[in-house]
Amino acid sequence: MLSLHLLLFGFGLLMVWRGWRMTEEVYHIATVSTGAVALIWGFAISPDEIQMTLEALSLGWLKLGRK
C-alpha cells in the first residue's frame, strides 16, 4: 500500500505518453483518458507531503512559463 501511489503515477505517465504517440484517434483518446484517471487517482491517495510538493512545483512551473 505504501508505494501504490507511485505505481499509479508511473502507470498514468506511461499511458499518457503512449497515448500521445498513437495515430488512431479512438485509441489515443482511450489511452490518454486512462492515464489521466490513473494520475488523478495516484495523486488523491498520495500522502499530504507529496501533494503539497507537486502543487508547489506546478505553481512554480506556471509562474516561470509566464515570463
C-alpha atoms as a PDB file:
ATOM      1  CA  MET A   1       0.000   0.000   0.000  1.00  0.00           C
ATOM      2  CA  LEU A   2       2.930   2.278   0.672  1.00  0.00           C
ATOM      3  CA  SER A   3       4.015   2.603  -2.939  1.00  0.00           C
ATOM      4  CA  LEU A   4       0.653   2.202  -4.651  1.00  0.00           C
ATOM      5  CA  HIS A   5       0.505   5.911  -5.426  1.00  0.00           C
ATOM      6  CA  LEU A   6       3.925   5.685  -7.113  1.00  0.00           C
ATOM      7  CA  LEU A   7       2.730   2.781  -9.242  1.00  0.00           C
ATOM      8  CA  LEU A   8      -0.348   4.752 -10.281  1.00  0.00           C
ATOM      9  CA  PHE A   9       1.768   7.828 -11.082  1.00  0.00           C
ATOM     10  CA  GLY A  10       4.116   5.728 -13.205  1.00  0.00           C
ATOM     11  CA  PHE A  11       1.289   3.905 -14.955  1.00  0.00           C
ATOM     12  CA  GLY A  12      -0.525   7.173 -15.612  1.00  0.00           C
ATOM     13  CA  LEU A  13       2.551   8.871 -17.057  1.00  0.00           C
ATOM     14  CA  LEU A  14       3.291   5.842 -19.226  1.00  0.00           C
ATOM     15  CA  MET A  15      -0.264   5.696 -20.561  1.00  0.00           C
ATOM     16  CA  VAL A  16      -0.399   9.421 -21.329  1.00  0.00           C
ATOM     17  CA  TRP A  17       2.982   9.245 -23.077  1.00  0.00           C
ATOM     18  CA  ARG A  18       1.917   6.197 -25.103  1.00  0.00           C
ATOM     19  CA  GLY A  19      -1.424   7.807 -25.919  1.00  0.00           C
ATOM     20  CA  TRP A  20       0.151  10.930 -27.390  1.00  0.00           C
ATOM     21  CA  ARG A  21       2.233   8.778 -29.732  1.00  0.00           C
ATOM     22  CA  MET A  22      -0.737   6.810 -31.137  1.00  0.00           C
ATOM     23  CA  THR A  23      -2.128   7.723 -34.520  1.00  0.00           C
ATOM     24  CA  GLU A  24      -5.622   6.261 -34.241  1.00  0.00           C
ATOM     25  CA  GLU A  25      -7.994   8.734 -32.629  1.00  0.00           C
ATOM     26  CA  VAL A  26     -10.104   6.280 -30.619  1.00  0.00           C
ATOM     27  CA  TYR A  27      -7.085   4.553 -29.062  1.00  0.00           C
ATOM     28  CA  HIS A  28      -5.448   7.926 -28.449  1.00  0.00           C
ATOM     29  CA  ILE A  29      -8.450   9.233 -26.501  1.00  0.00           C
ATOM     30  CA  ALA A  30      -8.904   5.978 -24.557  1.00  0.00           C
ATOM     31  CA  THR A  31      -5.240   5.704 -23.593  1.00  0.00           C
ATOM     32  CA  VAL A  32      -4.833   9.334 -22.547  1.00  0.00           C
ATOM     33  CA  SER A  33      -8.080   9.151 -20.559  1.00  0.00           C
ATOM     34  CA  THR A  34      -6.904   6.013 -18.764  1.00  0.00           C
ATOM     35  CA  GLY A  35      -3.600   7.688 -17.947  1.00  0.00           C
ATOM     36  CA  ALA A  36      -5.319  10.823 -16.665  1.00  0.00           C
ATOM     37  CA  VAL A  37      -7.580   8.801 -14.366  1.00  0.00           C
ATOM     38  CA  ALA A  38      -4.577   6.857 -13.018  1.00  0.00           C
ATOM     39  CA  LEU A  39      -2.657  10.110 -12.404  1.00  0.00           C
ATOM     40  CA  ILE A  40      -5.586  11.690 -10.574  1.00  0.00           C
ATOM     41  CA  TRP A  41      -6.165   8.551  -8.535  1.00  0.00           C
ATOM     42  CA  GLY A  42      -2.485   8.296  -7.626  1.00  0.00           C
ATOM     43  CA  PHE A  43      -2.430  11.953  -6.619  1.00  0.00           C
ATOM     44  CA  ALA A  44      -5.556  11.551  -4.487  1.00  0.00           C
ATOM     45  CA  ILE A  45      -4.154   8.659  -2.435  1.00  0.00           C
ATOM     46  CA  SER A  46      -0.641  10.054  -2.064  1.00  0.00           C
ATOM     47  CA  PRO A  47       0.498  11.497   1.293  1.00  0.00           C
ATOM     48  CA  ASP A  48      -0.034  15.182   2.044  1.00  0.00           C
ATOM     49  CA  GLU A  49       3.683  16.000   1.745  1.00  0.00           C
ATOM     50  CA  ILE A  50       3.822  14.705  -1.816  1.00  0.00           C
ATOM     51  CA  GLN A  51       0.619  16.528  -2.755  1.00  0.00           C
ATOM     52  CA  MET A  52       1.919  19.846  -1.417  1.00  0.00           C
ATOM     53  CA  THR A  53       5.264  19.368  -3.155  1.00  0.00           C
ATOM     54  CA  LEU A  54       3.635  18.620  -6.508  1.00  0.00           C
ATOM     55  CA  GLU A  55       1.301  21.592  -6.128  1.00  0.00           C
ATOM     56  CA  ALA A  56       4.213  23.917  -5.327  1.00  0.00           C
ATOM     57  CA  LEU A  57       6.192  22.594  -8.304  1.00  0.00           C
ATOM     58  CA  SER A  58       3.254  23.057 -10.670  1.00  0.00           C
ATOM     59  CA  LEU A  59       2.643  26.609  -9.454  1.00  0.00           C
ATOM     60  CA  GLY A  60       6.336  27.413  -9.859  1.00  0.00           C
ATOM     61  CA  TRP A  61       6.283  25.939 -13.352  1.00  0.00           C
ATOM     62  CA  LEU A  62       3.275  28.079 -14.256  1.00  0.00           C
ATOM     63  CA  LYS A  63       4.992  31.160 -12.836  1.00  0.00           C
ATOM     64  CA  LEU A  64       8.117  30.508 -14.951  1.00  0.00           C
ATOM     65  CA  GLY A  65       6.000  29.931 -18.055  1.00  0.00           C
ATOM     66  CA  ARG A  66       4.564  33.446 -17.922  1.00  0.00           C
ATOM     67  CA  LYS A  67       7.966  35.140 -18.334  1.00  0.00           C
END
